[in-house]
PDB file of N, CA and C in Angstrom:
ATOM      1  N   MET A   1      54.370 -19.473   1.379  1.00  0.00           N
ATOM      2  CA  MET A   1      53.538 -20.422   1.684  1.00  0.00           C
ATOM      3  C   MET A   1      53.368 -20.470   3.343  1.00  0.00           C
ATOM      4  N   LEU A   2      52.348 -20.740   3.682  1.00  0.00           N
ATOM      5  CA  LEU A   2      52.071 -20.823   5.157  1.00  0.00           C
ATOM      6  C   LEU A   2      52.197 -22.270   5.577  1.00  0.00           C
ATOM      7  N   PRO A   3      53.147 -22.492   6.723  1.00  0.00           N
ATOM      8  CA  PRO A   3      53.552 -23.901   7.019  1.00  0.00           C
ATOM      9  C   PRO A   3      52.232 -24.636   7.620  1.00  0.00           C
ATOM     10  N   SER A   4      51.198 -23.820   8.301  1.00  0.00           N
ATOM     11  CA  SER A   4      50.210 -24.393   8.929  1.00  0.00           C
ATOM     12  C   SER A   4      49.047 -24.761   8.144  1.00  0.00           C
ATOM     13  N   VAL A   5      48.979 -24.431   6.778  1.00  0.00           N
ATOM     14  CA  VAL A   5      47.956 -24.605   5.938  1.00  0.00           C
ATOM     15  C   VAL A   5      48.476 -25.658   4.852  1.00  0.00           C
ATOM     16  N   SER A   6      47.504 -26.524   4.765  1.00  0.00           N
ATOM     17  CA  SER A   6      47.898 -27.614   3.622  1.00  0.00           C
ATOM     18  C   SER A   6      47.813 -27.284   2.341  1.00  0.00           C
ATOM     19  N   ILE A   7      48.495 -27.796   1.298  1.00  0.00           N
ATOM     20  CA  ILE A   7      48.386 -27.610  -0.130  1.00  0.00           C
ATOM     21  C   ILE A   7      46.915 -27.456  -0.758  1.00  0.00           C
ATOM     22  N   LEU A   8      46.229 -28.487  -0.387  1.00  0.00           N
ATOM     23  CA  LEU A   8      44.760 -28.536  -0.806  1.00  0.00           C
ATOM     24  C   LEU A   8      43.928 -27.224  -0.292  1.00  0.00           C
ATOM     25  N   GLN A   9      44.193 -26.931   0.862  1.00  0.00           N
ATOM     26  CA  GLN A   9      43.512 -25.656   1.480  1.00  0.00           C
ATOM     27  C   GLN A   9      44.042 -24.503   0.660  1.00  0.00           C
ATOM     28  N   GLN A  10      45.326 -24.429   0.351  1.00  0.00           N
ATOM     29  CA  GLN A  10      45.641 -23.147  -0.532  1.00  0.00           C
ATOM     30  C   GLN A  10      45.119 -23.306  -1.886  1.00  0.00           C
ATOM     31  N   ILE A  11      45.223 -24.493  -2.540  1.00  0.00           N
ATOM     32  CA  ILE A  11      44.569 -24.479  -3.870  1.00  0.00           C
ATOM     33  C   ILE A  11      43.047 -24.041  -3.789  1.00  0.00           C
ATOM     34  N   GLY A  12      42.353 -24.556  -2.571  1.00  0.00           N
ATOM     35  CA  GLY A  12      40.942 -24.251  -2.607  1.00  0.00           C
ATOM     36  C   GLY A  12      40.681 -22.922  -2.433  1.00  0.00           C
ATOM     37  N   LEU A  13      41.599 -22.148  -1.641  1.00  0.00           N
ATOM     38  CA  LEU A  13      41.414 -20.625  -1.612  1.00  0.00           C
ATOM     39  C   LEU A  13      41.798 -19.997  -2.848  1.00  0.00           C
ATOM     40  N   GLY A  14      42.715 -20.467  -3.576  1.00  0.00           N
ATOM     41  CA  GLY A  14      42.866 -19.779  -4.922  1.00  0.00           C
ATOM     42  C   GLY A  14      41.872 -19.861  -5.967  1.00  0.00           C
ATOM     43  N   VAL A  15      41.325 -21.239  -6.034  1.00  0.00           N
ATOM     44  CA  VAL A  15      40.056 -21.450  -6.792  1.00  0.00           C
ATOM     45  C   VAL A  15      38.935 -20.522  -6.423  1.00  0.00           C
ATOM     46  N   LEU A  16      38.587 -20.397  -4.946  1.00  0.00           N
ATOM     47  CA  LEU A  16      37.508 -19.686  -4.547  1.00  0.00           C
ATOM     48  C   LEU A  16      37.657 -18.150  -4.826  1.00  0.00           C
ATOM     49  N   LEU A  17      38.906 -17.666  -4.691  1.00  0.00           N
ATOM     50  CA  LEU A  17      39.322 -16.329  -5.173  1.00  0.00           C
ATOM     51  C   LEU A  17      39.020 -16.012  -6.676  1.00  0.00           C
ATOM     52  N   ALA A  18      39.460 -16.992  -7.432  1.00  0.00           N
ATOM     53  CA  ALA A  18      39.310 -16.917  -8.969  1.00  0.00           C
ATOM     54  C   ALA A  18      37.917 -16.890  -9.242  1.00  0.00           C
ATOM     55  N   VAL A  19      37.069 -17.600  -8.649  1.00  0.00           N
ATOM     56  CA  VAL A  19      35.614 -17.850  -8.949  1.00  0.00           C
ATOM     57  C   VAL A  19      35.030 -16.487  -8.517  1.00  0.00           C
ATOM     58  N   ALA A  20      35.474 -15.931  -7.121  1.00  0.00           N
ATOM     59  CA  ALA A  20      34.673 -14.638  -6.693  1.00  0.00           C
ATOM     60  C   ALA A  20      34.951 -13.451  -7.720  1.00  0.00           C
ATOM     61  N   VAL A  21      36.395 -13.455  -8.255  1.00  0.00           N
ATOM     62  CA  VAL A  21      36.682 -12.381  -9.046  1.00  0.00           C
ATOM     63  C   VAL A  21      35.840 -12.558 -10.535  1.00  0.00           C
ATOM     64  N   LEU A  22      35.797 -13.807 -10.992  1.00  0.00           N
ATOM     65  CA  LEU A  22      34.983 -14.028 -12.174  1.00  0.00           C
ATOM     66  C   LEU A  22      33.405 -13.394 -11.943  1.00  0.00           C
ATOM     67  N   TRP A  23      33.019 -13.823 -10.848  1.00  0.00           N
ATOM     68  CA  TRP A  23      31.654 -13.657 -10.489  1.00  0.00           C
ATOM     69  C   TRP A  23      31.337 -12.059 -10.538  1.00  0.00           C
ATOM     70  N   VAL A  24      32.391 -11.235  -9.739  1.00  0.00           N
ATOM     71  CA  VAL A  24      32.193  -9.970  -9.745  1.00  0.00           C
ATOM     72  C   VAL A  24      32.377  -9.254 -11.153  1.00  0.00           C
ATOM     73  N   VAL A  25      33.261  -9.699 -11.923  1.00  0.00           N
ATOM     74  CA  VAL A  25      33.293  -9.318 -13.267  1.00  0.00           C
ATOM     75  C   VAL A  25      32.080  -9.384 -14.121  1.00  0.00           C
ATOM     76  N   GLY A  26      31.456 -10.564 -13.848  1.00  0.00           N
ATOM     77  CA  GLY A  26      30.216 -10.815 -14.659  1.00  0.00           C
ATOM     78  C   GLY A  26      29.155 -10.087 -14.101  1.00  0.00           C
ATOM     79  N   ILE A  27      28.946  -9.691 -12.935  1.00  0.00           N
ATOM     80  CA  ILE A  27      27.906  -8.926 -12.587  1.00  0.00           C
ATOM     81  C   ILE A  27      28.070  -7.560 -12.992  1.00  0.00           C
ATOM     82  N   VAL A  28      29.289  -7.035 -12.982  1.00  0.00           N
ATOM     83  CA  VAL A  28      29.629  -5.603 -13.322  1.00  0.00           C
ATOM     84  C   VAL A  28      29.248  -5.521 -14.846  1.00  0.00           C
ATOM     85  N   ARG A  29      29.468  -6.509 -15.600  1.00  0.00           N
ATOM     86  CA  ARG A  29      29.488  -6.455 -16.997  1.00  0.00           C
ATOM     87  C   ARG A  29      27.797  -6.478 -17.161  1.00  0.00           C
ATOM     88  N   LEU A  30      27.071  -7.256 -16.595  1.00  0.00           N
ATOM     89  CA  LEU A  30      25.699  -7.307 -16.652  1.00  0.00           C
ATOM     90  C   LEU A  30      24.903  -5.966 -16.476  1.00  0.00           C
ATOM     91  N   LEU A  31      25.306  -5.435 -15.248  1.00  0.00           N
ATOM     92  CA  LEU A  31      24.947  -4.183 -14.838  1.00  0.00           C
ATOM     93  C   LEU A  31      25.170  -3.206 -15.879  1.00  0.00           C
ATOM     94  N   ARG A  32      26.384  -2.962 -16.444  1.00  0.00           N
ATOM     95  CA  ARG A  32      26.770  -1.990 -17.331  1.00  0.00           C
ATOM     96  C   ARG A  32      26.098  -2.089 -18.560  1.00  0.00           C
ATOM     97  N   ASN A  33      25.827  -3.284 -19.132  1.00  0.00           N
ATOM     98  CA  ASN A  33      25.270  -3.563 -20.289  1.00  0.00           C
ATOM     99  C   ASN A  33      23.701  -3.255 -20.234  1.00  0.00           C
ATOM    100  N   GLY A  34      23.121  -3.220 -19.157  1.00  0.00           N
ATOM    101  CA  GLY A  34      21.713  -3.093 -18.998  1.00  0.00           C
ATOM    102  C   GLY A  34      21.476  -1.573 -18.924  1.00  0.00           C
ATOM    103  N   ARG A  35      22.292  -0.603 -18.919  1.00  0.00           N
ATOM    104  CA  ARG A  35      22.028   0.674 -18.682  1.00  0.00           C
ATOM    105  C   ARG A  35      21.411   1.334 -20.023  1.00  0.00           C
ATOM    106  N   TYR A  36      20.842   2.473 -19.780  1.00  0.00           N
ATOM    107  CA  TYR A  36      20.183   3.020 -20.942  1.00  0.00           C
ATOM    108  C   TYR A  36      21.202   3.536 -21.974  1.00  0.00           C
ATOM    109  N   GLU A  37      22.378   4.125 -21.474  1.00  0.00           N
ATOM    110  CA  GLU A  37      23.437   4.693 -22.330  1.00  0.00           C
ATOM    111  C   GLU A  37      23.979   3.477 -23.225  1.00  0.00           C
ATOM    112  N   ALA A  38      24.058   2.357 -22.565  1.00  0.00           N
ATOM    113  CA  ALA A  38      24.766   1.265 -23.541  1.00  0.00           C
ATOM    114  C   ALA A  38      23.718   0.774 -24.476  1.00  0.00           C
ATOM    115  N   ALA A  39      22.526   0.876 -24.077  1.00  0.00           N
ATOM    116  CA  ALA A  39      21.401   0.347 -25.168  1.00  0.00           C
ATOM    117  C   ALA A  39      21.328   1.491 -26.274  1.00  0.00           C
ATOM    118  N   MET A  40      21.401   2.780 -25.887  1.00  0.00           N
ATOM    119  CA  MET A  40      21.503   3.760 -27.067  1.00  0.00           C
ATOM    120  C   MET A  40      22.740   3.584 -27.958  1.00  0.00           C
ATOM    121  N   ARG A  41      23.856   3.261 -27.279  1.00  0.00           N
ATOM    122  CA  ARG A  41      25.064   3.025 -28.192  1.00  0.00           C
ATOM    123  C   ARG A  41      24.786   1.820 -29.019  1.00  0.00           C
ATOM    124  N   ARG A  42      24.216   0.753 -28.564  1.00  0.00           N
ATOM    125  CA  ARG A  42      24.024  -0.437 -29.350  1.00  0.00           C
ATOM    126  C   ARG A  42      23.066   0.021 -30.464  1.00  0.00           C
ATOM    127  N   ASP A  43      21.798   0.770 -30.171  1.00  0.00           N
ATOM    128  CA  ASP A  43      21.001   0.963 -31.192  1.00  0.00           C
ATOM    129  C   ASP A  43      21.712   1.927 -32.231  1.00  0.00           C
ATOM    130  N   ARG A  44      22.535   3.048 -31.831  1.00  0.00           N
ATOM    131  CA  ARG A  44      23.063   3.712 -32.925  1.00  0.00           C
ATOM    132  C   ARG A  44      23.985   3.031 -33.891  1.00  0.00           C
ATOM    133  N   ARG A  45      24.818   1.855 -33.160  1.00  0.00           N
ATOM    134  CA  ARG A  45      25.577   1.167 -33.981  1.00  0.00           C
ATOM    135  C   ARG A  45      24.803   0.383 -35.126  1.00  0.00           C
ATOM    136  N   GLU A  46      23.545  -0.224 -34.396  1.00  0.00           N
ATOM    137  CA  GLU A  46      22.686  -1.060 -35.455  1.00  0.00           C
ATOM    138  C   GLU A  46      22.279  -0.263 -36.513  1.00  0.00           C
ATOM    139  N   MET A  47      21.777   0.982 -36.140  1.00  0.00           N
ATOM    140  CA  MET A  47      21.225   1.993 -37.112  1.00  0.00           C
ATOM    141  C   MET A  47      22.264   2.401 -38.128  1.00  0.00           C
ATOM    142  N   ARG A  48      23.658   2.601 -37.736  1.00  0.00           N
ATOM    143  CA  ARG A  48      24.522   2.903 -38.667  1.00  0.00           C
ATOM    144  C   ARG A  48      25.014   1.704 -39.691  1.00  0.00           C
ATOM    145  N   VAL A  49      24.804   0.528 -39.066  1.00  0.00           N
ATOM    146  CA  VAL A  49      25.152  -0.642 -40.101  1.00  0.00           C
ATOM    147  C   VAL A  49      23.908  -0.803 -40.929  1.00  0.00           C
ATOM    148  N   ARG A  50      22.719  -0.676 -40.359  1.00  0.00           N
ATOM    149  CA  ARG A  50      21.429  -0.875 -41.281  1.00  0.00           C
ATOM    150  C   ARG A  50      21.047   0.247 -42.099  1.00  0.00           C
ATOM    151  N   TYR A  51      21.283   1.303 -41.765  1.00  0.00           N
ATOM    152  CA  TYR A  51      20.813   2.401 -42.496  1.00  0.00           C
ATOM    153  C   TYR A  51      21.960   3.348 -43.179  1.00  0.00           C
ATOM    154  N   ALA A  52      23.256   2.628 -43.251  1.00  0.00           N
ATOM    155  CA  ALA A  52      24.412   3.382 -43.815  1.00  0.00           C
ATOM    156  C   ALA A  52      24.137   3.831 -45.109  1.00  0.00           C
ATOM    157  N   ALA A  53      24.181   5.167 -45.398  1.00  0.00           N
ATOM    158  CA  ALA A  53      23.956   5.568 -46.836  1.00  0.00           C
ATOM    159  C   ALA A  53      25.126   6.338 -47.308  1.00  0.00           C
ATOM    160  N   PRO A  54      25.563   6.316 -48.426  1.00  0.00           N
ATOM    161  CA  PRO A  54      26.733   7.035 -48.994  1.00  0.00           C
ATOM    162  C   PRO A  54      26.333   8.580 -49.014  1.00  0.00           C
ATOM    163  N   GLY A  55      27.094   9.266 -48.273  1.00  0.00           N
ATOM    164  CA  GLY A  55      26.805  10.744 -48.369  1.00  0.00           C
ATOM    165  C   GLY A  55      26.835  11.311 -47.106  1.00  0.00           C
ATOM    166  N   PRO A  56      26.684  12.592 -46.835  1.00  0.00           N
ATOM    167  CA  PRO A  56      26.809  13.307 -45.501  1.00  0.00           C
ATOM    168  C   PRO A  56      25.392  13.406 -44.712  1.00  0.00           C
ATOM    169  N   GLU A  57      24.558  12.481 -45.095  1.00  0.00           N
ATOM    170  CA  GLU A  57      23.254  12.309 -44.382  1.00  0.00           C
ATOM    171  C   GLU A  57      23.592  11.991 -42.790  1.00  0.00           C
ATOM    172  N   ARG A  58      22.732  12.407 -41.919  1.00  0.00           N
ATOM    173  CA  ARG A  58      22.981  12.223 -40.485  1.00  0.00           C
ATOM    174  C   ARG A  58      21.879  11.125 -40.102  1.00  0.00           C
ATOM    175  N   LEU A  59      22.193  10.494 -39.060  1.00  0.00           N
ATOM    176  CA  LEU A  59      21.496   9.418 -38.472  1.00  0.00           C
ATOM    177  C   LEU A  59      20.448  10.244 -37.768  1.00  0.00           C
ATOM    178  N   PRO A  60      19.142   9.607 -37.565  1.00  0.00           N
ATOM    179  CA  PRO A  60      18.087  10.254 -36.665  1.00  0.00           C
ATOM    180  C   PRO A  60      18.552  10.369 -35.194  1.00  0.00           C
ATOM    181  N   GLU A  61      18.152  11.420 -34.703  1.00  0.00           N
ATOM    182  CA  GLU A  61      18.436  11.771 -33.244  1.00  0.00           C
ATOM    183  C   GLU A  61      17.752  10.605 -32.383  1.00  0.00           C
ATOM    184  N   PRO A  62      18.456  10.344 -31.142  1.00  0.00           N
ATOM    185  CA  PRO A  62      17.737   9.289 -30.343  1.00  0.00           C
ATOM    186  C   PRO A  62      16.481   9.852 -29.622  1.00  0.00           C
ATOM    187  N   PRO A  63      15.500   9.058 -29.274  1.00  0.00           N
ATOM    188  CA  PRO A  63      14.289   9.553 -28.724  1.00  0.00           C
ATOM    189  C   PRO A  63      14.463  10.258 -27.368  1.00  0.00           C
ATOM    190  N   GLU A  64      13.742  11.397 -27.061  1.00  0.00           N
ATOM    191  CA  GLU A  64      13.973  11.924 -25.692  1.00  0.00           C
ATOM    192  C   GLU A  64      13.161  11.328 -24.749  1.00  0.00           C
ATOM    193  N   LEU A  65      13.687  11.149 -23.441  1.00  0.00           N
ATOM    194  CA  LEU A  65      12.921  10.532 -22.479  1.00  0.00           C
ATOM    195  C   LEU A  65      12.038  11.389 -21.896  1.00  0.00           C
ATOM    196  N   LEU A  66      10.938  10.978 -21.222  1.00  0.00           N
ATOM    197  CA  LEU A  66       9.633  11.540 -20.627  1.00  0.00           C
ATOM    198  C   LEU A  66      10.331  11.997 -19.290  1.00  0.00           C
ATOM    199  N   GLY A  67       9.916  13.420 -18.918  1.00  0.00           N
ATOM    200  CA  GLY A  67      10.358  13.834 -17.630  1.00  0.00           C
ATOM    201  C   GLY A  67       9.452  13.029 -16.540  1.00  0.00           C
ATOM    202  N   SER A  68       8.307  12.870 -16.887  1.00  0.00           N
ATOM    203  CA  SER A  68       7.314  12.076 -15.854  1.00  0.00           C
ATOM    204  C   SER A  68       6.303  11.336 -16.596  1.00  0.00           C
ATOM    205  N   VAL A  69       5.522  10.659 -15.882  1.00  0.00           N
ATOM    206  CA  VAL A  69       4.316   9.829 -16.513  1.00  0.00           C
ATOM    207  C   VAL A  69       3.337  10.902 -17.040  1.00  0.00           C
ATOM    208  N   PRO A  70       2.882  10.591 -18.413  1.00  0.00           N
ATOM    209  CA  PRO A  70       2.043  11.395 -18.851  1.00  0.00           C
ATOM    210  C   PRO A  70       0.650  11.126 -18.161  1.00  0.00           C
ATOM    211  N   ARG A  71      -0.256  12.249 -18.259  1.00  0.00           N
ATOM    212  CA  ARG A  71      -1.553  12.257 -17.686  1.00  0.00           C
ATOM    213  C   ARG A  71      -2.457  10.960 -18.302  1.00  0.00           C
ATOM    214  N   GLN A  72      -3.238  10.378 -17.542  1.00  0.00           N
ATOM    215  CA  GLN A  72      -4.010   9.236 -17.913  1.00  0.00           C
ATOM    216  C   GLN A  72      -5.259   9.735 -18.297  1.00  0.00           C
ATOM    217  N   THR A  73      -5.712  10.839 -17.962  1.00  0.00           N
ATOM    218  CA  THR A  73      -7.146  11.181 -18.149  1.00  0.00           C
ATOM    219  C   THR A  73      -7.122  12.489 -19.302  1.00  0.00           C
ATOM    220  N   GLY A  74      -8.236  12.857 -19.719  1.00  0.00           N
ATOM    221  CA  GLY A  74      -8.274  13.930 -20.855  1.00  0.00           C
ATOM    222  C   GLY A  74      -8.560  13.343 -22.186  1.00  0.00           C
ATOM    223  N   PRO A  75      -8.190  14.095 -23.075  1.00  0.00           N
ATOM    224  CA  PRO A  75      -8.614  13.546 -24.514  1.00  0.00           C
ATOM    225  C   PRO A  75      -7.464  12.474 -25.010  1.00  0.00           C
ATOM    226  N   ALA A  76      -6.352  12.308 -24.425  1.00  0.00           N
ATOM    227  CA  ALA A  76      -5.374  11.269 -24.824  1.00  0.00           C
ATOM    228  C   ALA A  76      -5.511  10.030 -23.988  1.00  0.00           C
ATOM    229  N   GLY A  77      -6.241  10.225 -22.900  1.00  0.00           N
ATOM    230  CA  GLY A  77      -6.407   8.922 -22.058  1.00  0.00           C
ATOM    231  C   GLY A  77      -7.652   8.415 -22.004  1.00  0.00           C
ATOM    232  N   PRO A  78      -7.848   7.419 -21.239  1.00  0.00           N
ATOM    233  CA  PRO A  78      -9.185   6.584 -21.171  1.00  0.00           C
ATOM    234  C   PRO A  78     -10.049   7.640 -20.446  1.00  0.00           C
ATOM    235  N   PRO A  79     -11.446   7.416 -20.853  1.00  0.00           N
ATOM    236  CA  PRO A  79     -12.452   8.263 -20.090  1.00  0.00           C
ATOM    237  C   PRO A  79     -12.536   7.876 -18.639  1.00  0.00           C
ATOM    238  N   ALA A  80     -12.872   9.008 -17.751  1.00  0.00           N
ATOM    239  CA  ALA A  80     -13.075   8.697 -16.611  1.00  0.00           C
ATOM    240  C   ALA A  80     -14.319   8.065 -16.143  1.00  0.00           C
ATOM    241  N   GLU A  81     -14.226   7.131 -15.117  1.00  0.00           N
ATOM    242  CA  GLU A  81     -15.475   6.373 -14.815  1.00  0.00           C
ATOM    243  C   GLU A  81     -16.248   7.015 -13.524  1.00  0.00           C
ATOM    244  N   CYS A  82     -17.517   6.892 -13.544  1.00  0.00           N
ATOM    245  CA  CYS A  82     -18.358   7.601 -12.613  1.00  0.00           C
ATOM    246  C   CYS A  82     -19.508   6.424 -12.358  1.00  0.00           C
ATOM    247  N   VAL A  83     -19.567   6.296 -10.889  1.00  0.00           N
ATOM    248  CA  VAL A  83     -20.815   5.443 -10.481  1.00  0.00           C
ATOM    249  C   VAL A  83     -21.685   6.153  -9.555  1.00  0.00           C
ATOM    250  N   GLU A  84     -23.028   6.048  -9.940  1.00  0.00           N
ATOM    251  CA  GLU A  84     -23.858   6.572  -8.973  1.00  0.00           C
ATOM    252  C   GLU A  84     -24.195   5.909  -7.772  1.00  0.00           C
ATOM    253  N   LEU A  85     -24.261   6.444  -6.414  1.00  0.00           N
ATOM    254  CA  LEU A  85     -24.705   5.693  -5.401  1.00  0.00           C
ATOM    255  C   LEU A  85     -26.018   5.832  -5.013  1.00  0.00           C
ATOM    256  N   SER A  86     -26.487   4.812  -4.357  1.00  0.00           N
ATOM    257  CA  SER A  86     -27.888   4.967  -3.768  1.00  0.00           C
ATOM    258  C   SER A  86     -27.818   5.778  -2.575  1.00  0.00           C
ATOM    259  N   ALA A  87     -28.929   6.046  -2.083  1.00  0.00           N
ATOM    260  CA  ALA A  87     -28.918   6.822  -0.657  1.00  0.00           C
ATOM    261  C   ALA A  87     -28.359   5.978   0.455  1.00  0.00           C
ATOM    262  N   ALA A  88     -28.508   4.744   0.635  1.00  0.00           N
ATOM    263  CA  ALA A  88     -28.181   3.832   1.495  1.00  0.00           C
ATOM    264  C   ALA A  88     -26.691   3.751   1.345  1.00  0.00           C
ATOM    265  N   GLU A  89     -26.149   3.671   0.175  1.00  0.00           N
ATOM    266  CA  GLU A  89     -24.668   3.555  -0.077  1.00  0.00           C
ATOM    267  C   GLU A  89     -24.005   4.732   0.266  1.00  0.00           C
ATOM    268  N   ARG A  90     -24.514   5.855   0.029  1.00  0.00           N
ATOM    269  CA  ARG A  90     -23.968   7.127   0.330  1.00  0.00           C
ATOM    270  C   ARG A  90     -23.768   7.290   1.718  1.00  0.00           C
ATOM    271  N   GLU A  91     -24.955   7.019   2.684  1.00  0.00           N
ATOM    272  CA  GLU A  91     -24.913   7.208   4.043  1.00  0.00           C
ATOM    273  C   GLU A  91     -23.844   6.206   4.685  1.00  0.00           C
ATOM    274  N   ALA A  92     -23.710   4.831   4.078  1.00  0.00           N
ATOM    275  CA  ALA A  92     -22.689   3.949   4.605  1.00  0.00           C
ATOM    276  C   ALA A  92     -21.210   4.450   4.376  1.00  0.00           C
ATOM    277  N   PHE A  93     -21.206   5.190   3.263  1.00  0.00           N
ATOM    278  CA  PHE A  93     -19.829   5.772   2.895  1.00  0.00           C
ATOM    279  C   PHE A  93     -19.436   6.931   3.750  1.00  0.00           C
ATOM    280  N   GLU A  94     -20.498   7.842   4.110  1.00  0.00           N
ATOM    281  CA  GLU A  94     -20.498   8.993   5.041  1.00  0.00           C
ATOM    282  C   GLU A  94     -20.135   8.399   6.398  1.00  0.00           C
ATOM    283  N   GLU A  95     -20.696   7.452   6.876  1.00  0.00           N
ATOM    284  CA  GLU A  95     -20.278   6.807   8.127  1.00  0.00           C
ATOM    285  C   GLU A  95     -18.824   6.183   8.118  1.00  0.00           C
ATOM    286  N   LEU A  96     -18.571   5.671   7.082  1.00  0.00           N
ATOM    287  CA  LEU A  96     -17.132   4.980   7.076  1.00  0.00           C
ATOM    288  C   LEU A  96     -16.191   6.390   7.133  1.00  0.00           C
ATOM    289  N   VAL A  97     -16.315   7.318   6.502  1.00  0.00           N
ATOM    290  CA  VAL A  97     -15.606   8.368   6.331  1.00  0.00           C
ATOM    291  C   VAL A  97     -15.474   8.982   7.770  1.00  0.00           C
ATOM    292  N   ARG A  98     -16.665   9.106   8.466  1.00  0.00           N
ATOM    293  CA  ARG A  98     -16.611   9.652   9.779  1.00  0.00           C
ATOM    294  C   ARG A  98     -15.819   8.899  10.869  1.00  0.00           C
ATOM    295  N   GLN A  99     -16.002   7.489  10.582  1.00  0.00           N
ATOM    296  CA  GLN A  99     -15.139   6.556  11.539  1.00  0.00           C
ATOM    297  C   GLN A  99     -13.748   6.707  11.298  1.00  0.00           C
ATOM    298  N   LEU A 100     -13.280   6.870  10.066  1.00  0.00           N
ATOM    299  CA  LEU A 100     -11.858   6.920   9.739  1.00  0.00           C
ATOM    300  C   LEU A 100     -11.269   8.193  10.128  1.00  0.00           C
ATOM    301  N   THR A 101     -11.979   9.335  10.069  1.00  0.00           N
ATOM    302  CA  THR A 101     -11.599  10.602  10.450  1.00  0.00           C
ATOM    303  C   THR A 101     -11.491  10.808  11.918  1.00  0.00           C
ATOM    304  N   SER A 102     -12.460   9.980  12.645  1.00  0.00           N
ATOM    305  CA  SER A 102     -12.327  10.145  14.058  1.00  0.00           C
ATOM    306  C   SER A 102     -11.185   9.422  14.690  1.00  0.00           C
ATOM    307  N   ARG A 103     -10.628   8.487  14.172  1.00  0.00           N
ATOM    308  CA  ARG A 103      -9.601   7.622  14.724  1.00  0.00           C
ATOM    309  C   ARG A 103      -8.307   8.371  14.379  1.00  0.00           C
ATOM    310  N   SER A 104      -8.084   9.327  13.614  1.00  0.00           N
ATOM    311  CA  SER A 104      -6.865   9.999  13.457  1.00  0.00           C
ATOM    312  C   SER A 104      -6.715  11.276  14.250  1.00  0.00           C
TER     313      SER A 104
END
C-alpha cells in the first residue's frame, strides 16, 4: 500500500482496472464471434442439431467464398445502358475533355 495515496484512490484505481479488463474481454469476444470461421462453426452446429440423421450420412459442405465480385454485365447481369447525345452535347463533352486533359 502506498502511504501517499488514500484508500479511496486505491479502491477507485482497482475498480477502474477491473472495468478496463472487462471491457477488453468483451471487445475481444465480440470481434472473435463476428469472424467468418465462427459463423461457419455455428452453422455447422445448427445443421448437426437440425438435420442429424441416424447413419453415416455426411453434412453438406460449407459454401465456397467468391474470389472477387462477379461481373455485373453480360447475360447474368443487368443490361448495359446507352444514351444518344445530340451534336451540341457531344461538342460540349469534347470541350470538357479537352479542358480536363490540358490541366494535367
